[in-house]
Amino acid sequence: MHDRAARCIRCPAHPAAADVPVLAAIRATPEVRARWRGGEDLAAEVVVDLADPEVRCLTVRHQDRIIGMIQGYSEEEPDYRHAGDEQSGQNAGLVDPPGRDSA
C-alpha cells in the first residue's frame, strides 16, 4: 500500500449528525461542486445518497477528520453487469493530499 493511502481510513458513512454537515460542506467546495453539482440543500442530498440501498458510501478520513466520500455501485443485470465508484474530497490544506490514493 502506498504511504499516502496508509494515512487514510475508509469507513462506512452514516447519516449521523457529524457526517452530513461535513460531507455537505465538502460538496459545496468549488472543486467538488463543479463535478458533483447539486441543488440548494446539499445536506438533504447527502442524506438521500447515504440512504440509497444500492450505493455503498464510505467516508475518507485523515487524522480522524472527514476529507471526502467514496460511493460504490454495481449493476447486476447480466446483460449490463458493471461496477464503478465516484469520489469527492478536499485537500483541506494537506501538502500531499492522501485522498487521491483512497480507492
N, C-alpha and C. Protein backbone atom coordinates (compact mmCIF):
# COMPACT_ATOMS: atom_id res chain seq x y z
N MET A 1 0.85 -1.17 0.00
CA MET A 1 0.00 0.00 0.00
C MET A 1 0.89 1.23 0.00
N HIS A 2 0.55 2.19 -0.79
CA HIS A 2 1.30 3.44 -0.87
C HIS A 2 1.20 4.16 0.47
N ASP A 3 2.25 4.84 0.87
CA ASP A 3 2.30 5.51 2.17
C ASP A 3 1.16 6.49 2.36
N ARG A 4 0.81 7.27 1.32
CA ARG A 4 -0.28 8.23 1.46
C ARG A 4 -1.59 7.51 1.72
N ALA A 5 -1.84 6.41 1.04
CA ALA A 5 -3.08 5.66 1.26
C ALA A 5 -3.12 5.09 2.67
N ALA A 6 -1.97 4.73 3.20
CA ALA A 6 -1.91 4.17 4.54
C ALA A 6 -2.35 5.21 5.58
N ARG A 7 -2.22 6.50 5.27
CA ARG A 7 -2.61 7.54 6.20
C ARG A 7 -4.11 7.82 6.18
N CYS A 8 -4.83 7.27 5.23
CA CYS A 8 -6.27 7.48 5.13
C CYS A 8 -7.01 6.26 5.67
N ILE A 9 -8.16 6.53 6.25
CA ILE A 9 -9.01 5.46 6.73
C ILE A 9 -10.32 5.57 5.97
N ARG A 10 -10.77 4.46 5.41
CA ARG A 10 -12.06 4.41 4.75
C ARG A 10 -13.02 3.66 5.66
N CYS A 11 -14.17 4.27 5.97
CA CYS A 11 -15.14 3.60 6.83
C CYS A 11 -16.55 3.96 6.36
N PRO A 12 -17.51 3.10 6.69
CA PRO A 12 -18.88 3.35 6.23
C PRO A 12 -19.37 4.73 6.66
N ALA A 13 -20.01 5.40 5.71
CA ALA A 13 -20.62 6.70 6.02
C ALA A 13 -22.00 6.45 6.62
N HIS A 14 -22.37 7.26 7.56
CA HIS A 14 -23.68 7.14 8.19
C HIS A 14 -24.36 8.49 8.15
N PRO A 15 -25.68 8.48 8.06
CA PRO A 15 -26.39 9.76 8.08
C PRO A 15 -26.40 10.34 9.50
N ALA A 16 -25.25 10.27 10.15
CA ALA A 16 -25.11 10.78 11.51
C ALA A 16 -24.99 12.30 11.48
N ALA A 17 -25.34 12.89 12.58
CA ALA A 17 -25.28 14.35 12.68
C ALA A 17 -23.88 14.87 12.36
N ALA A 18 -22.86 14.12 12.68
CA ALA A 18 -21.49 14.59 12.44
C ALA A 18 -21.08 14.46 10.98
N ASP A 19 -21.54 13.42 10.28
CA ASP A 19 -21.11 13.17 8.90
C ASP A 19 -21.78 14.10 7.89
N VAL A 20 -23.06 14.31 7.99
CA VAL A 20 -23.82 15.03 6.97
C VAL A 20 -23.34 16.47 6.76
N PRO A 21 -23.20 17.29 7.80
CA PRO A 21 -22.76 18.67 7.56
C PRO A 21 -21.36 18.74 6.95
N VAL A 22 -20.47 17.85 7.38
CA VAL A 22 -19.11 17.86 6.84
C VAL A 22 -19.12 17.46 5.37
N LEU A 23 -19.86 16.39 5.03
CA LEU A 23 -19.94 15.96 3.64
C LEU A 23 -20.63 17.00 2.77
N ALA A 24 -21.64 17.68 3.29
CA ALA A 24 -22.30 18.75 2.53
C ALA A 24 -21.34 19.92 2.30
N ALA A 25 -20.53 20.25 3.30
CA ALA A 25 -19.56 21.33 3.14
C ALA A 25 -18.50 20.98 2.10
N ILE A 26 -18.07 19.73 2.07
CA ILE A 26 -17.12 19.29 1.06
C ILE A 26 -17.76 19.39 -0.32
N ARG A 27 -19.00 18.95 -0.42
CA ARG A 27 -19.70 19.01 -1.70
C ARG A 27 -19.92 20.44 -2.18
N ALA A 28 -19.95 21.37 -1.26
CA ALA A 28 -20.16 22.78 -1.61
C ALA A 28 -18.88 23.47 -2.09
N THR A 29 -17.72 22.86 -1.90
CA THR A 29 -16.48 23.50 -2.37
C THR A 29 -16.51 23.57 -3.89
N PRO A 30 -15.94 24.62 -4.47
CA PRO A 30 -15.99 24.79 -5.93
C PRO A 30 -15.45 23.59 -6.71
N GLU A 31 -14.37 22.99 -6.21
CA GLU A 31 -13.76 21.87 -6.93
C GLU A 31 -14.68 20.66 -6.99
N VAL A 32 -15.38 20.39 -5.90
CA VAL A 32 -16.27 19.23 -5.85
C VAL A 32 -17.60 19.56 -6.53
N ARG A 33 -18.13 20.73 -6.27
CA ARG A 33 -19.43 21.12 -6.84
C ARG A 33 -19.38 21.15 -8.37
N ALA A 34 -18.23 21.49 -8.94
CA ALA A 34 -18.11 21.53 -10.40
C ALA A 34 -18.37 20.16 -11.02
N ARG A 35 -18.06 19.10 -10.29
CA ARG A 35 -18.25 17.76 -10.83
C ARG A 35 -19.51 17.06 -10.31
N TRP A 36 -19.83 17.28 -9.04
CA TRP A 36 -20.98 16.60 -8.43
C TRP A 36 -22.25 17.42 -8.54
N ARG A 37 -22.09 18.71 -8.75
CA ARG A 37 -23.22 19.64 -8.84
C ARG A 37 -24.09 19.55 -7.59
N GLY A 38 -25.36 19.82 -7.72
CA GLY A 38 -26.26 19.75 -6.58
C GLY A 38 -27.18 20.94 -6.53
N GLY A 39 -28.22 20.79 -5.74
CA GLY A 39 -29.22 21.83 -5.60
C GLY A 39 -28.90 22.76 -4.45
N GLU A 40 -29.94 23.38 -3.94
CA GLU A 40 -29.78 24.35 -2.86
C GLU A 40 -29.49 23.70 -1.51
N ASP A 41 -30.04 22.51 -1.27
CA ASP A 41 -29.91 21.84 0.03
C ASP A 41 -28.98 20.63 -0.11
N LEU A 42 -27.68 20.88 -0.05
CA LEU A 42 -26.71 19.80 -0.22
C LEU A 42 -26.77 18.81 0.93
N ALA A 43 -27.10 19.26 2.13
CA ALA A 43 -27.21 18.34 3.27
C ALA A 43 -28.31 17.31 3.02
N ALA A 44 -29.45 17.75 2.49
CA ALA A 44 -30.53 16.82 2.18
C ALA A 44 -30.12 15.83 1.10
N GLU A 45 -29.34 16.30 0.12
CA GLU A 45 -28.87 15.40 -0.93
C GLU A 45 -27.90 14.35 -0.38
N VAL A 46 -27.06 14.76 0.57
CA VAL A 46 -26.15 13.80 1.20
C VAL A 46 -26.94 12.74 1.95
N VAL A 47 -27.98 13.15 2.66
CA VAL A 47 -28.82 12.20 3.40
C VAL A 47 -29.44 11.19 2.43
N VAL A 48 -29.93 11.66 1.29
CA VAL A 48 -30.52 10.77 0.28
C VAL A 48 -29.46 9.80 -0.24
N ASP A 49 -28.28 10.31 -0.54
CA ASP A 49 -27.20 9.44 -1.03
C ASP A 49 -26.85 8.36 -0.02
N LEU A 50 -26.74 8.74 1.25
CA LEU A 50 -26.38 7.78 2.28
C LEU A 50 -27.46 6.74 2.52
N ALA A 51 -28.70 7.10 2.23
CA ALA A 51 -29.82 6.18 2.45
C ALA A 51 -30.07 5.24 1.26
N ASP A 52 -29.43 5.48 0.13
CA ASP A 52 -29.65 4.67 -1.07
C ASP A 52 -29.11 3.26 -0.85
N PRO A 53 -29.98 2.24 -0.84
CA PRO A 53 -29.51 0.88 -0.56
C PRO A 53 -28.65 0.28 -1.67
N GLU A 54 -28.66 0.89 -2.84
CA GLU A 54 -27.88 0.35 -3.96
C GLU A 54 -26.50 0.98 -4.09
N VAL A 55 -26.18 1.92 -3.20
CA VAL A 55 -24.90 2.61 -3.26
C VAL A 55 -24.20 2.45 -1.91
N ARG A 56 -22.95 2.02 -1.95
CA ARG A 56 -22.17 1.90 -0.72
C ARG A 56 -21.35 3.17 -0.56
N CYS A 57 -21.53 3.86 0.54
CA CYS A 57 -20.83 5.11 0.79
C CYS A 57 -19.79 4.91 1.89
N LEU A 58 -18.59 5.35 1.61
CA LEU A 58 -17.50 5.31 2.59
C LEU A 58 -16.97 6.73 2.78
N THR A 59 -16.73 7.10 4.02
CA THR A 59 -16.05 8.37 4.25
C THR A 59 -14.54 8.11 4.21
N VAL A 60 -13.82 9.10 3.74
CA VAL A 60 -12.37 9.05 3.75
C VAL A 60 -11.94 9.98 4.88
N ARG A 61 -11.18 9.44 5.81
CA ARG A 61 -10.77 10.23 6.97
C ARG A 61 -9.25 10.32 7.03
N HIS A 62 -8.79 11.47 7.42
CA HIS A 62 -7.37 11.70 7.62
C HIS A 62 -7.22 12.34 8.99
N GLN A 63 -6.47 11.71 9.86
CA GLN A 63 -6.30 12.19 11.23
C GLN A 63 -7.66 12.44 11.89
N ASP A 64 -8.55 11.46 11.78
CA ASP A 64 -9.90 11.50 12.38
C ASP A 64 -10.81 12.60 11.85
N ARG A 65 -10.46 13.18 10.70
CA ARG A 65 -11.28 14.24 10.09
C ARG A 65 -11.78 13.74 8.74
N ILE A 66 -13.07 13.89 8.47
CA ILE A 66 -13.62 13.52 7.17
C ILE A 66 -13.08 14.47 6.12
N ILE A 67 -12.46 13.90 5.08
CA ILE A 67 -11.94 14.74 3.99
C ILE A 67 -12.57 14.36 2.65
N GLY A 68 -13.46 13.38 2.65
CA GLY A 68 -14.10 13.01 1.39
C GLY A 68 -15.04 11.84 1.55
N MET A 69 -15.60 11.43 0.42
CA MET A 69 -16.51 10.30 0.39
C MET A 69 -16.31 9.52 -0.91
N ILE A 70 -16.44 8.23 -0.80
CA ILE A 70 -16.41 7.34 -1.96
C ILE A 70 -17.77 6.67 -2.04
N GLN A 71 -18.37 6.67 -3.23
CA GLN A 71 -19.63 5.96 -3.45
C GLN A 71 -19.36 4.84 -4.44
N GLY A 72 -19.73 3.63 -4.07
CA GLY A 72 -19.56 2.49 -4.96
C GLY A 72 -20.90 1.91 -5.34
N TYR A 73 -21.00 1.45 -6.56
CA TYR A 73 -22.27 0.89 -7.03
C TYR A 73 -21.99 -0.22 -8.03
N SER A 74 -22.99 -1.05 -8.25
CA SER A 74 -22.85 -2.09 -9.26
C SER A 74 -24.19 -2.32 -9.95
N GLU A 75 -24.12 -2.74 -11.18
CA GLU A 75 -25.30 -3.11 -11.96
C GLU A 75 -25.28 -4.62 -12.09
N GLU A 76 -26.30 -5.26 -11.57
CA GLU A 76 -26.33 -6.73 -11.54
C GLU A 76 -27.04 -7.36 -12.73
N GLU A 77 -27.69 -6.55 -13.57
CA GLU A 77 -28.36 -7.09 -14.76
C GLU A 77 -27.32 -7.80 -15.61
N PRO A 78 -27.51 -9.10 -15.91
CA PRO A 78 -26.49 -9.87 -16.64
C PRO A 78 -26.02 -9.24 -17.95
N ASP A 79 -26.92 -8.61 -18.70
CA ASP A 79 -26.52 -8.02 -19.98
C ASP A 79 -25.74 -6.71 -19.82
N TYR A 80 -25.82 -6.11 -18.65
CA TYR A 80 -25.19 -4.80 -18.44
C TYR A 80 -24.31 -4.77 -17.19
N ARG A 81 -23.90 -5.92 -16.73
CA ARG A 81 -23.16 -6.02 -15.47
C ARG A 81 -21.90 -5.15 -15.49
N HIS A 82 -21.79 -4.29 -14.50
CA HIS A 82 -20.62 -3.45 -14.33
C HIS A 82 -20.64 -2.85 -12.93
N ALA A 83 -19.55 -2.24 -12.55
CA ALA A 83 -19.45 -1.57 -11.26
C ALA A 83 -18.64 -0.30 -11.43
N GLY A 84 -18.76 0.58 -10.49
CA GLY A 84 -18.00 1.81 -10.56
C GLY A 84 -17.92 2.47 -9.20
N ASP A 85 -17.14 3.51 -9.15
CA ASP A 85 -17.09 4.32 -7.94
C ASP A 85 -16.89 5.78 -8.31
N GLU A 86 -17.30 6.62 -7.41
CA GLU A 86 -17.15 8.06 -7.57
C GLU A 86 -16.55 8.58 -6.27
N GLN A 87 -15.65 9.53 -6.39
CA GLN A 87 -15.01 10.07 -5.21
C GLN A 87 -15.18 11.58 -5.17
N SER A 88 -15.36 12.10 -3.98
CA SER A 88 -15.33 13.54 -3.78
C SER A 88 -14.45 13.78 -2.57
N GLY A 89 -13.76 14.89 -2.57
CA GLY A 89 -12.90 15.16 -1.42
C GLY A 89 -12.34 16.55 -1.47
N GLN A 90 -11.55 16.82 -0.47
CA GLN A 90 -10.93 18.14 -0.37
C GLN A 90 -9.49 17.97 0.05
N ASN A 91 -8.68 18.92 -0.36
CA ASN A 91 -7.28 18.93 0.04
C ASN A 91 -7.16 19.34 1.50
N ALA A 92 -7.97 20.25 1.93
CA ALA A 92 -8.02 20.71 3.32
C ALA A 92 -6.67 21.17 3.85
N GLY A 93 -5.87 21.75 2.96
CA GLY A 93 -4.59 22.27 3.39
C GLY A 93 -3.49 21.23 3.53
N LEU A 94 -3.75 20.01 3.10
CA LEU A 94 -2.72 18.97 3.19
C LEU A 94 -1.70 19.20 2.09
N VAL A 95 -0.46 19.11 2.43
CA VAL A 95 0.61 19.31 1.44
C VAL A 95 0.58 18.19 0.41
N ASP A 96 0.34 16.99 0.85
CA ASP A 96 0.34 15.81 -0.02
C ASP A 96 -1.01 15.14 0.14
N PRO A 97 -2.06 15.60 -0.56
CA PRO A 97 -3.41 15.11 -0.28
C PRO A 97 -3.53 13.61 -0.44
N PRO A 98 -3.91 12.91 0.62
CA PRO A 98 -4.00 11.46 0.56
C PRO A 98 -5.24 10.96 -0.15
N GLY A 99 -6.24 11.78 -0.36
CA GLY A 99 -7.49 11.34 -0.96
C GLY A 99 -7.32 10.72 -2.33
N ARG A 100 -6.29 11.13 -3.07
CA ARG A 100 -6.08 10.58 -4.41
C ARG A 100 -5.81 9.09 -4.38
N ASP A 101 -5.31 8.60 -3.25
CA ASP A 101 -4.98 7.18 -3.13
C ASP A 101 -6.03 6.44 -2.31
N SER A 102 -7.20 6.98 -2.19
CA SER A 102 -8.18 6.42 -1.26
C SER A 102 -8.90 5.20 -1.80
N ALA A 103 -8.99 5.05 -3.10
CA ALA A 103 -9.77 3.93 -3.65
C ALA A 103 -9.06 2.62 -3.49
